[in-house]
Amino acid sequence: MVAPASGASEALRLIEERGAPDIAVLDVAMPEMNGFDLLKALRARAGLEALPVIFLSARVSPEDVDAGRSLDADYLTKPYVMDSLLAAIDKLLTNPLQAAGSW
């Protein structure tokens, strides 16, 4: 099941209501707080410390990519190829211990 959220507060509310997702796909540029800060907030919650995350963002600077990967998240850039996103999701769902940064 996919549960889209329009911003960080909605994402946090959905997790409170529905529980932890299997995986999160975040953008870096988001309303309310950036994706990096949202991921830090998520990982600070009990049970979400190892939440598999993919950043899907138009922010392509090496600093942004490195920042996402330093948070143990995969990082894909926009525009993206759907097969790449699906492969990243599959990889994280089948083996979440494979470290980020392999894409």
PDB file of N, CA and C in Angstrom:
ATOM      1  N   MET A   1       0.839  -1.181   0.000  1.00  0.00           N
ATOM      2  CA  MET A   1       0.000   0.000   0.000  1.00  0.00           C
ATOM      3  C   MET A   1       0.882   1.242   0.000  1.00  0.00           C
ATOM      4  N   VAL A   2       0.527   2.199  -0.784  1.00  0.00           N
ATOM      5  CA  VAL A   2       1.238   3.469  -0.854  1.00  0.00           C
ATOM      6  C   VAL A   2       0.411   4.503  -0.110  1.00  0.00           C
ATOM      7  N   ALA A   3       1.084   5.276   0.744  1.00  0.00           N
ATOM      8  CA  ALA A   3       0.407   6.333   1.496  1.00  0.00           C
ATOM      9  C   ALA A   3       1.136   7.646   1.246  1.00  0.00           C
ATOM     10  N   PRO A   4       0.676   8.413   0.256  1.00  0.00           N
ATOM     11  CA  PRO A   4       1.356   9.676  -0.033  1.00  0.00           C
ATOM     12  C   PRO A   4       1.080  10.714   1.051  1.00  0.00           C
ATOM     13  N   ALA A   5       2.058  11.591   1.249  1.00  0.00           N
ATOM     14  CA  ALA A   5       1.909  12.684   2.211  1.00  0.00           C
ATOM     15  C   ALA A   5       2.373  13.964   1.528  1.00  0.00           C
ATOM     16  N   SER A   6       1.682  15.057   1.795  1.00  0.00           N
ATOM     17  CA  SER A   6       2.009  16.323   1.146  1.00  0.00           C
ATOM     18  C   SER A   6       3.112  17.088   1.865  1.00  0.00           C
ATOM     19  N   GLY A   7       3.492  16.634   3.033  1.00  0.00           N
ATOM     20  CA  GLY A   7       4.545  17.300   3.788  1.00  0.00           C
ATOM     21  C   GLY A   7       4.949  16.478   4.992  1.00  0.00           C
ATOM     22  N   ALA A   8       5.895  17.010   5.740  1.00  0.00           N
ATOM     23  CA  ALA A   8       6.454  16.270   6.871  1.00  0.00           C
ATOM     24  C   ALA A   8       5.424  16.004   7.962  1.00  0.00           C
ATOM     25  N   SER A   9       4.621  16.989   8.309  1.00  0.00           N
ATOM     26  CA  SER A   9       3.660  16.776   9.398  1.00  0.00           C
ATOM     27  C   SER A   9       2.631  15.716   9.019  1.00  0.00           C
ATOM     28  N   GLU A  10       2.217  15.696   7.767  1.00  0.00           N
ATOM     29  CA  GLU A  10       1.279  14.667   7.324  1.00  0.00           C
ATOM     30  C   GLU A  10       1.945  13.291   7.339  1.00  0.00           C
ATOM     31  N   ALA A  11       3.199  13.218   6.939  1.00  0.00           N
ATOM     32  CA  ALA A  11       3.921  11.942   6.973  1.00  0.00           C
ATOM     33  C   ALA A  11       4.025  11.429   8.404  1.00  0.00           C
ATOM     34  N   LEU A  12       4.373  12.302   9.330  1.00  0.00           N
ATOM     35  CA  LEU A  12       4.484  11.901  10.732  1.00  0.00           C
ATOM     36  C   LEU A  12       3.128  11.474  11.293  1.00  0.00           C
ATOM     37  N   ARG A  13       2.070  12.193  10.919  1.00  0.00           N
ATOM     38  CA  ARG A  13       0.723  11.833  11.374  1.00  0.00           C
ATOM     39  C   ARG A  13       0.311  10.474  10.828  1.00  0.00           C
ATOM     40  N   LEU A  14       0.595  10.211   9.557  1.00  0.00           N
ATOM     41  CA  LEU A  14       0.250   8.914   8.967  1.00  0.00           C
ATOM     42  C   LEU A  14       0.962   7.771   9.688  1.00  0.00           C
ATOM     43  N   ILE A  15       2.200   7.984  10.046  1.00  0.00           N
ATOM     44  CA  ILE A  15       2.942   6.944  10.759  1.00  0.00           C
ATOM     45  C   ILE A  15       2.362   6.734  12.150  1.00  0.00           C
ATOM     46  N   GLU A  16       1.949   7.814  12.809  1.00  0.00           N
ATOM     47  CA  GLU A  16       1.296   7.685  14.120  1.00  0.00           C
ATOM     48  C   GLU A  16       0.012   6.869  14.007  1.00  0.00           C
ATOM     49  N   GLU A  17      -0.767   7.124  12.957  1.00  0.00           N
ATOM     50  CA  GLU A  17      -2.061   6.473  12.784  1.00  0.00           C
ATOM     51  C   GLU A  17      -1.949   5.037  12.263  1.00  0.00           C
ATOM     52  N   ARG A  18      -1.040   4.808  11.315  1.00  0.00           N
ATOM     53  CA  ARG A  18      -0.985   3.522  10.612  1.00  0.00           C
ATOM     54  C   ARG A  18       0.201   2.653  10.981  1.00  0.00           C
ATOM     55  N   GLY A  19       1.158   3.212  11.688  1.00  0.00           N
ATOM     56  CA  GLY A  19       2.357   2.459  12.028  1.00  0.00           C
ATOM     57  C   GLY A  19       3.455   2.677  11.011  1.00  0.00           C
ATOM     58  N   ALA A  20       4.558   2.031  11.252  1.00  0.00           N
ATOM     59  CA  ALA A  20       5.754   2.211  10.418  1.00  0.00           C
ATOM     60  C   ALA A  20       5.539   1.647   9.018  1.00  0.00           C
ATOM     61  N   PRO A  21       5.998   2.379   8.017  1.00  0.00           N
ATOM     62  CA  PRO A  21       5.938   1.841   6.651  1.00  0.00           C
ATOM     63  C   PRO A  21       7.057   0.830   6.441  1.00  0.00           C
ATOM     64  N   ASP A  22       6.940   0.055   5.382  1.00  0.00           N
ATOM     65  CA  ASP A  22       8.008  -0.873   5.014  1.00  0.00           C
ATOM     66  C   ASP A  22       9.207  -0.116   4.449  1.00  0.00           C
ATOM     67  N   ILE A  23       8.932   1.000   3.796  1.00  0.00           N
ATOM     68  CA  ILE A  23       9.964   1.818   3.162  1.00  0.00           C
ATOM     69  C   ILE A  23       9.408   3.226   3.003  1.00  0.00           C
ATOM     70  N   ALA A  24      10.288   4.213   2.990  1.00  0.00           N
ATOM     71  CA  ALA A  24       9.868   5.601   2.755  1.00  0.00           C
ATOM     72  C   ALA A  24      10.627   6.135   1.551  1.00  0.00           C
ATOM     73  N   VAL A  25       9.904   6.816   0.671  1.00  0.00           N
ATOM     74  CA  VAL A  25      10.511   7.517  -0.450  1.00  0.00           C
ATOM     75  C   VAL A  25      10.287   8.997  -0.178  1.00  0.00           C
ATOM     76  N   LEU A  26      11.375   9.720   0.021  1.00  0.00           N
ATOM     77  CA  LEU A  26      11.310  11.127   0.402  1.00  0.00           C
ATOM     78  C   LEU A  26      11.975  12.003  -0.644  1.00  0.00           C
ATOM     79  N   ASP A  27      11.508  13.232  -0.731  1.00  0.00           N
ATOM     80  CA  ASP A  27      12.209  14.232  -1.522  1.00  0.00           C
ATOM     81  C   ASP A  27      13.036  15.061  -0.555  1.00  0.00           C
ATOM     82  N   VAL A  28      14.081  15.694  -1.028  1.00  0.00           N
ATOM     83  CA  VAL A  28      14.854  16.580  -0.174  1.00  0.00           C
ATOM     84  C   VAL A  28      14.095  17.884   0.001  1.00  0.00           C
ATOM     85  N   ALA A  29      13.584  18.450  -1.090  1.00  0.00           N
ATOM     86  CA  ALA A  29      12.837  19.698  -1.048  1.00  0.00           C
ATOM     87  C   ALA A  29      11.374  19.386  -0.766  1.00  0.00           C
ATOM     88  N   MET A  30      10.961  19.695   0.456  1.00  0.00           N
ATOM     89  CA  MET A  30       9.582  19.433   0.884  1.00  0.00           C
ATOM     90  C   MET A  30       9.074  20.615   1.682  1.00  0.00           C
ATOM     91  N   PRO A  31       7.755  20.785   1.770  1.00  0.00           N
ATOM     92  CA  PRO A  31       7.218  21.832   2.636  1.00  0.00           C
ATOM     93  C   PRO A  31       7.478  21.488   4.111  1.00  0.00           C
ATOM     94  N   GLU A  32       7.535  22.489   4.936  1.00  0.00           N
ATOM     95  CA  GLU A  32       7.647  22.374   6.401  1.00  0.00           C
ATOM     96  C   GLU A  32       9.059  22.050   6.871  1.00  0.00           C
ATOM     97  N   MET A  33       9.668  21.031   6.353  1.00  0.00           N
ATOM     98  CA  MET A  33      11.058  20.713   6.675  1.00  0.00           C
ATOM     99  C   MET A  33      11.626  19.921   5.515  1.00  0.00           C
ATOM    100  N   ASN A  34      12.932  19.962   5.369  1.00  0.00           N
ATOM    101  CA  ASN A  34      13.497  19.225   4.237  1.00  0.00           C
ATOM    102  C   ASN A  34      13.516  17.726   4.542  1.00  0.00           C
ATOM    103  N   GLY A  35      13.748  16.947   3.517  1.00  0.00           N
ATOM    104  CA  GLY A  35      13.720  15.495   3.650  1.00  0.00           C
ATOM    105  C   GLY A  35      14.777  14.959   4.598  1.00  0.00           C
ATOM    106  N   PHE A  36      15.940  15.622   4.652  1.00  0.00           N
ATOM    107  CA  PHE A  36      16.985  15.192   5.572  1.00  0.00           C
ATOM    108  C   PHE A  36      16.504  15.304   7.019  1.00  0.00           C
ATOM    109  N   ASP A  37      15.867  16.445   7.334  1.00  0.00           N
ATOM    110  CA  ASP A  37      15.368  16.642   8.699  1.00  0.00           C
ATOM    111  C   ASP A  37      14.217  15.694   9.017  1.00  0.00           C
ATOM    112  N   LEU A  38      13.367  15.441   8.025  1.00  0.00           N
ATOM    113  CA  LEU A  38      12.283  14.476   8.245  1.00  0.00           C
ATOM    114  C   LEU A  38      12.860  13.096   8.535  1.00  0.00           C
ATOM    115  N   LEU A  39      13.861  12.688   7.778  1.00  0.00           N
ATOM    116  CA  LEU A  39      14.460  11.379   8.032  1.00  0.00           C
ATOM    117  C   LEU A  39      15.065  11.318   9.429  1.00  0.00           C
ATOM    118  N   LYS A  40      15.730  12.380   9.861  1.00  0.00           N
ATOM    119  CA  LYS A  40      16.287  12.407  11.219  1.00  0.00           C
ATOM    120  C   LYS A  40      15.174  12.288  12.254  1.00  0.00           C
ATOM    121  N   ALA A  41      14.047  12.968  12.029  1.00  0.00           N
ATOM    122  CA  ALA A  41      12.909  12.884  12.953  1.00  0.00           C
ATOM    123  C   ALA A  41      12.330  11.474  12.962  1.00  0.00           C
ATOM    124  N   LEU A  42      12.231  10.858  11.806  1.00  0.00           N
ATOM    125  CA  LEU A  42      11.714   9.490  11.736  1.00  0.00           C
ATOM    126  C   LEU A  42      12.638   8.520  12.466  1.00  0.00           C
ATOM    127  N   ARG A  43      13.921   8.634  12.192  1.00  0.00           N
ATOM    128  CA  ARG A  43      14.882   7.707  12.794  1.00  0.00           C
ATOM    129  C   ARG A  43      15.006   7.894  14.305  1.00  0.00           C
ATOM    130  N   ALA A  44      14.563   9.034  14.823  1.00  0.00           N
ATOM    131  CA  ALA A  44      14.599   9.273  16.270  1.00  0.00           C
ATOM    132  C   ALA A  44      13.440   8.575  16.979  1.00  0.00           C
ATOM    133  N   ARG A  45      12.477   8.092  16.224  1.00  0.00           N
ATOM    134  CA  ARG A  45      11.315   7.412  16.802  1.00  0.00           C
ATOM    135  C   ARG A  45      11.608   5.929  17.011  1.00  0.00           C
ATOM    136  N   ALA A  46      11.097   5.422  18.103  1.00  0.00           N
ATOM    137  CA  ALA A  46      11.271   4.002  18.420  1.00  0.00           C
ATOM    138  C   ALA A  46      10.695   3.145  17.297  1.00  0.00           C
ATOM    139  N   GLY A  47      11.461   2.183  16.865  1.00  0.00           N
ATOM    140  CA  GLY A  47      11.033   1.267  15.824  1.00  0.00           C
ATOM    141  C   GLY A  47      11.335   1.736  14.415  1.00  0.00           C
ATOM    142  N   LEU A  48      11.783   2.976  14.258  1.00  0.00           N
ATOM    143  CA  LEU A  48      12.075   3.498  12.929  1.00  0.00           C
ATOM    144  C   LEU A  48      13.561   3.771  12.719  1.00  0.00           C
ATOM    145  N   GLU A  49      14.380   3.327  13.634  1.00  0.00           N
ATOM    146  CA  GLU A  49      15.821   3.599  13.556  1.00  0.00           C
ATOM    147  C   GLU A  49      16.451   3.029  12.288  1.00  0.00           C
ATOM    148  N   ALA A  50      15.917   1.947  11.779  1.00  0.00           N
ATOM    149  CA  ALA A  50      16.486   1.304  10.590  1.00  0.00           C
ATOM    150  C   ALA A  50      15.525   1.348   9.397  1.00  0.00           C
ATOM    151  N   LEU A  51      14.594   2.297   9.407  1.00  0.00           N
ATOM    152  CA  LEU A  51      13.625   2.417   8.317  1.00  0.00           C
ATOM    153  C   LEU A  51      14.353   2.565   6.983  1.00  0.00           C
ATOM    154  N   PRO A  52      14.085   1.697   6.015  1.00  0.00           N
ATOM    155  CA  PRO A  52      14.706   1.849   4.693  1.00  0.00           C
ATOM    156  C   PRO A  52      14.147   3.095   3.995  1.00  0.00           C
ATOM    157  N   VAL A  53      15.043   3.917   3.461  1.00  0.00           N
ATOM    158  CA  VAL A  53      14.643   5.189   2.851  1.00  0.00           C
ATOM    159  C   VAL A  53      15.356   5.385   1.522  1.00  0.00           C
ATOM    160  N   ILE A  54      14.604   5.920   0.578  1.00  0.00           N
ATOM    161  CA  ILE A  54      15.149   6.346  -0.704  1.00  0.00           C
ATOM    162  C   ILE A  54      14.818   7.822  -0.857  1.00  0.00           C
ATOM    163  N   PHE A  55      15.831   8.627  -1.124  1.00  0.00           N
ATOM    164  CA  PHE A  55      15.590  10.003  -1.520  1.00  0.00           C
ATOM    165  C   PHE A  55      15.429  10.013  -3.029  1.00  0.00           C
ATOM    166  N   LEU A  56      14.382  10.675  -3.497  1.00  0.00           N
ATOM    167  CA  LEU A  56      14.111  10.843  -4.917  1.00  0.00           C
ATOM    168  C   LEU A  56      14.004  12.344  -5.122  1.00  0.00           C
ATOM    169  N   SER A  57      15.056  12.946  -5.650  1.00  0.00           N
ATOM    170  CA  SER A  57      15.132  14.400  -5.612  1.00  0.00           C
ATOM    171  C   SER A  57      15.754  14.996  -6.863  1.00  0.00           C
ATOM    172  N   ALA A  58      15.347  16.226  -7.164  1.00  0.00           N
ATOM    173  CA  ALA A  58      15.961  16.995  -8.240  1.00  0.00           C
ATOM    174  C   ALA A  58      17.234  17.689  -7.761  1.00  0.00           C
ATOM    175  N   ARG A  59      17.484  17.642  -6.478  1.00  0.00           N
ATOM    176  CA  ARG A  59      18.721  18.221  -5.943  1.00  0.00           C
ATOM    177  C   ARG A  59      19.846  17.221  -6.189  1.00  0.00           C
ATOM    178  N   VAL A  60      20.729  17.587  -7.112  1.00  0.00           N
ATOM    179  CA  VAL A  60      21.723  16.636  -7.604  1.00  0.00           C
ATOM    180  C   VAL A  60      23.157  17.011  -7.236  1.00  0.00           C
ATOM    181  N   SER A  61      23.322  18.004  -6.389  1.00  0.00           N
ATOM    182  CA  SER A  61      24.687  18.393  -6.034  1.00  0.00           C
ATOM    183  C   SER A  61      25.345  17.264  -5.248  1.00  0.00           C
ATOM    184  N   PRO A  62      26.642  17.120  -5.382  1.00  0.00           N
ATOM    185  CA  PRO A  62      27.339  16.084  -4.616  1.00  0.00           C
ATOM    186  C   PRO A  62      27.106  16.213  -3.115  1.00  0.00           C
ATOM    187  N   GLU A  63      26.957  17.446  -2.637  1.00  0.00           N
ATOM    188  CA  GLU A  63      26.717  17.651  -1.202  1.00  0.00           C
ATOM    189  C   GLU A  63      25.374  17.060  -0.773  1.00  0.00           C
ATOM    190  N   ASP A  64      24.342  17.263  -1.596  1.00  0.00           N
ATOM    191  CA  ASP A  64      23.027  16.708  -1.263  1.00  0.00           C
ATOM    192  C   ASP A  64      23.036  15.188  -1.335  1.00  0.00           C
ATOM    193  N   VAL A  65      23.638  14.645  -2.392  1.00  0.00           N
ATOM    194  CA  VAL A  65      23.706  13.191  -2.533  1.00  0.00           C
ATOM    195  C   VAL A  65      24.474  12.592  -1.362  1.00  0.00           C
ATOM    196  N   ASP A  66      25.608  13.190  -1.009  1.00  0.00           N
ATOM    197  CA  ASP A  66      26.403  12.699   0.123  1.00  0.00           C
ATOM    198  C   ASP A  66      25.635  12.824   1.434  1.00  0.00           C
ATOM    199  N   ALA A  67      24.881  13.912   1.596  1.00  0.00           N
ATOM    200  CA  ALA A  67      24.095  14.094   2.826  1.00  0.00           C
ATOM    201  C   ALA A  67      23.042  13.001   2.957  1.00  0.00           C
ATOM    202  N   GLY A  68      22.384  12.665   1.862  1.00  0.00           N
ATOM    203  CA  GLY A  68      21.387  11.596   1.903  1.00  0.00           C
ATOM    204  C   GLY A  68      22.007  10.249   2.208  1.00  0.00           C
ATOM    205  N   ARG A  69      23.104   9.968   1.563  1.00  0.00           N
ATOM    206  CA  ARG A  69      23.769   8.681   1.773  1.00  0.00           C
ATOM    207  C   ARG A  69      24.386   8.589   3.166  1.00  0.00           C
ATOM    208  N   SER A  70      24.805   9.733   3.733  1.00  0.00           N
ATOM    209  CA  SER A  70      25.360   9.707   5.091  1.00  0.00           C
ATOM    210  C   SER A  70      24.290   9.381   6.123  1.00  0.00           C
ATOM    211  N   LEU A  71      23.027   9.525   5.734  1.00  0.00           N
ATOM    212  CA  LEU A  71      21.909   9.153   6.611  1.00  0.00           C
ATOM    213  C   LEU A  71      21.451   7.719   6.338  1.00  0.00           C
ATOM    214  N   ASP A  72      22.279   6.951   5.660  1.00  0.00           N
ATOM    215  CA  ASP A  72      21.978   5.554   5.313  1.00  0.00           C
ATOM    216  C   ASP A  72      20.722   5.429   4.464  1.00  0.00           C
ATOM    217  N   ALA A  73      20.614   6.316   3.498  1.00  0.00           N
ATOM    218  CA  ALA A  73      19.500   6.263   2.554  1.00  0.00           C
ATOM    219  C   ALA A  73      20.061   6.135   1.153  1.00  0.00           C
ATOM    220  N   ASP A  74      19.316   5.478   0.282  1.00  0.00           N
ATOM    221  CA  ASP A  74      19.669   5.473  -1.129  1.00  0.00           C
ATOM    222  C   ASP A  74      19.256   6.829  -1.695  1.00  0.00           C
ATOM    223  N   TYR A  75      19.864   7.233  -2.774  1.00  0.00           N
ATOM    224  CA  TYR A  75      19.601   8.554  -3.346  1.00  0.00           C
ATOM    225  C   TYR A  75      19.503   8.421  -4.857  1.00  0.00           C
ATOM    226  N   LEU A  76      18.330   8.705  -5.386  1.00  0.00           N
ATOM    227  CA  LEU A  76      18.096   8.717  -6.830  1.00  0.00           C
ATOM    228  C   LEU A  76      17.761  10.142  -7.238  1.00  0.00           C
ATOM    229  N   THR A  77      18.176  10.522  -8.427  1.00  0.00           N
ATOM    230  CA  THR A  77      17.918  11.884  -8.874  1.00  0.00           C
ATOM    231  C   THR A  77      16.807  11.923  -9.920  1.00  0.00           C
ATOM    232  N   LYS A  78      16.127  13.061  -9.946  1.00  0.00           N
ATOM    233  CA  LYS A  78      15.095  13.330 -10.947  1.00  0.00           C
ATOM    234  C   LYS A  78      15.748  14.049 -12.116  1.00  0.00           C
ATOM    235  N   PRO A  79      15.286  13.855 -13.318  1.00  0.00           N
ATOM    236  CA  PRO A  79      14.275  12.856 -13.648  1.00  0.00           C
ATOM    237  C   PRO A  79      14.840  11.464 -13.433  1.00  0.00           C
ATOM    238  N   TYR A  80      13.962  10.551 -13.120  1.00  0.00           N
ATOM    239  CA  TYR A  80      14.411   9.200 -12.795  1.00  0.00           C
ATOM    240  C   TYR A  80      13.792   8.196 -13.757  1.00  0.00           C
ATOM    241  N   VAL A  81      14.398   7.050 -13.802  1.00  0.00           N
ATOM    242  CA  VAL A  81      13.886   5.942 -14.597  1.00  0.00           C
ATOM    243  C   VAL A  81      13.117   5.042 -13.626  1.00  0.00           C
ATOM    244  N   MET A  82      11.874   4.760 -13.968  1.00  0.00           N
ATOM    245  CA  MET A  82      11.020   3.967 -13.078  1.00  0.00           C
ATOM    246  C   MET A  82      11.676   2.645 -12.696  1.00  0.00           C
ATOM    247  N   ASP A  83      12.352   2.003 -13.614  1.00  0.00           N
ATOM    248  CA  ASP A  83      13.012   0.736 -13.300  1.00  0.00           C
ATOM    249  C   ASP A  83      14.057   0.908 -12.196  1.00  0.00           C
ATOM    250  N   SER A  84      14.738   2.047 -12.181  1.00  0.00           N
ATOM    251  CA  SER A  84      15.740   2.304 -11.137  1.00  0.00           C
ATOM    252  C   SER A  84      15.073   2.458  -9.780  1.00  0.00           C
ATOM    253  N   LEU A  85      13.957   3.166  -9.741  1.00  0.00           N
ATOM    254  CA  LEU A  85      13.231   3.319  -8.472  1.00  0.00           C
ATOM    255  C   LEU A  85      12.716   1.967  -7.988  1.00  0.00           C
ATOM    256  N   LEU A  86      12.124   1.206  -8.875  1.00  0.00           N
ATOM    257  CA  LEU A  86      11.598  -0.107  -8.488  1.00  0.00           C
ATOM    258  C   LEU A  86      12.713  -1.044  -8.028  1.00  0.00           C
ATOM    259  N   ALA A  87      13.858  -0.983  -8.688  1.00  0.00           N
ATOM    260  CA  ALA A  87      14.994  -1.813  -8.278  1.00  0.00           C
ATOM    261  C   ALA A  87      15.498  -1.402  -6.902  1.00  0.00           C
ATOM    262  N   ALA A  88      15.545  -0.096  -6.630  1.00  0.00           N
ATOM    263  CA  ALA A  88      15.985   0.380  -5.314  1.00  0.00           C
ATOM    264  C   ALA A  88      15.008  -0.066  -4.232  1.00  0.00           C
ATOM    265  N   ILE A  89      13.720   0.020  -4.513  1.00  0.00           N
ATOM    266  CA  ILE A  89      12.703  -0.421  -3.547  1.00  0.00           C
ATOM    267  C   ILE A  89      12.842  -1.914  -3.307  1.00  0.00           C
ATOM    268  N   ASP A  90      12.963  -2.678  -4.376  1.00  0.00           N
ATOM    269  CA  ASP A  90      13.095  -4.125  -4.245  1.00  0.00           C
ATOM    270  C   ASP A  90      14.323  -4.495  -3.428  1.00  0.00           C
ATOM    271  N   LYS A  91      15.440  -3.831  -3.701  1.00  0.00           N
ATOM    272  CA  LYS A  91      16.682  -4.117  -2.977  1.00  0.00           C
ATOM    273  C   LYS A  91      16.505  -3.864  -1.478  1.00  0.00           C
ATOM    274  N   LEU A  92      15.894  -2.732  -1.136  1.00  0.00           N
ATOM    275  CA  LEU A  92      15.744  -2.395   0.276  1.00  0.00           C
ATOM    276  C   LEU A  92      14.718  -3.283   0.981  1.00  0.00           C
ATOM    277  N   LEU A  93      13.707  -3.702   0.261  1.00  0.00           N
ATOM    278  CA  LEU A  93      12.702  -4.567   0.879  1.00  0.00           C
ATOM    279  C   LEU A  93      13.204  -5.999   1.049  1.00  0.00           C
ATOM    280  N   THR A  94      14.048  -6.442   0.126  1.00  0.00           N
ATOM    281  CA  THR A  94      14.529  -7.820   0.220  1.00  0.00           C
ATOM    282  C   THR A  94      15.774  -7.942   1.077  1.00  0.00           C
ATOM    283  N   ASN A  95      16.564  -6.875   1.159  1.00  0.00           N
ATOM    284  CA  ASN A  95      17.765  -6.907   1.985  1.00  0.00           C
ATOM    285  C   ASN A  95      18.043  -5.520   2.551  1.00  0.00           C
ATOM    286  N   PRO A  96      17.295  -5.108   3.578  1.00  0.00           N
ATOM    287  CA  PRO A  96      17.451  -3.762   4.127  1.00  0.00           C
ATOM    288  C   PRO A  96      18.809  -3.498   4.737  1.00  0.00           C
ATOM    289  N   LEU A  97      19.607  -4.531   4.983  1.00  0.00           N
ATOM    290  CA  LEU A  97      20.929  -4.335   5.561  1.00  0.00           C
ATOM    291  C   LEU A  97      21.968  -3.931   4.530  1.00  0.00           C
ATOM    292  N   GLN A  98      21.605  -4.033   3.232  1.00  0.00           N
ATOM    293  CA  GLN A  98      22.530  -3.537   2.210  1.00  0.00           C
ATOM    294  C   GLN A  98      22.601  -2.037   2.364  1.00  0.00           C
ATOM    295  N   ALA A  99      23.788  -1.537   2.600  1.00  0.00           N
ATOM    296  CA  ALA A  99      23.973  -0.114   2.900  1.00  0.00           C
ATOM    297  C   ALA A  99      23.564   0.754   1.734  1.00  0.00           C
ATOM    298  N   ALA A 100      23.224   1.985   2.092  1.00  0.00           N
ATOM    299  CA  ALA A 100      22.869   2.973   1.099  1.00  0.00           C
ATOM    300  C   ALA A 100      24.082   3.348   0.268  1.00  0.00           C
ATOM    301  N   GLY A 101      23.824   4.038  -0.769  1.00  0.00           N
ATOM    302  CA  GLY A 101      24.904   4.559  -1.582  1.00  0.00           C
ATOM    303  C   GLY A 101      25.307   3.656  -2.724  1.00  0.00           C
ATOM    304  N   SER A 102      24.567   2.604  -2.952  1.00  0.00           N
ATOM    305  CA  SER A 102      24.952   1.686  -4.015  1.00  0.00           C
ATOM    306  C   SER A 102      24.380   2.093  -5.362  1.00  0.00           C
ATOM    307  N   TRP A 103      23.599   3.126  -5.398  1.00  0.00           N
ATOM    308  CA  TRP A 103      22.971   3.534  -6.668  1.00  0.00           C
ATOM    309  C   TRP A 103      23.730   4.656  -7.289  1.00  0.00           C
TER     310      TRP A 103
END
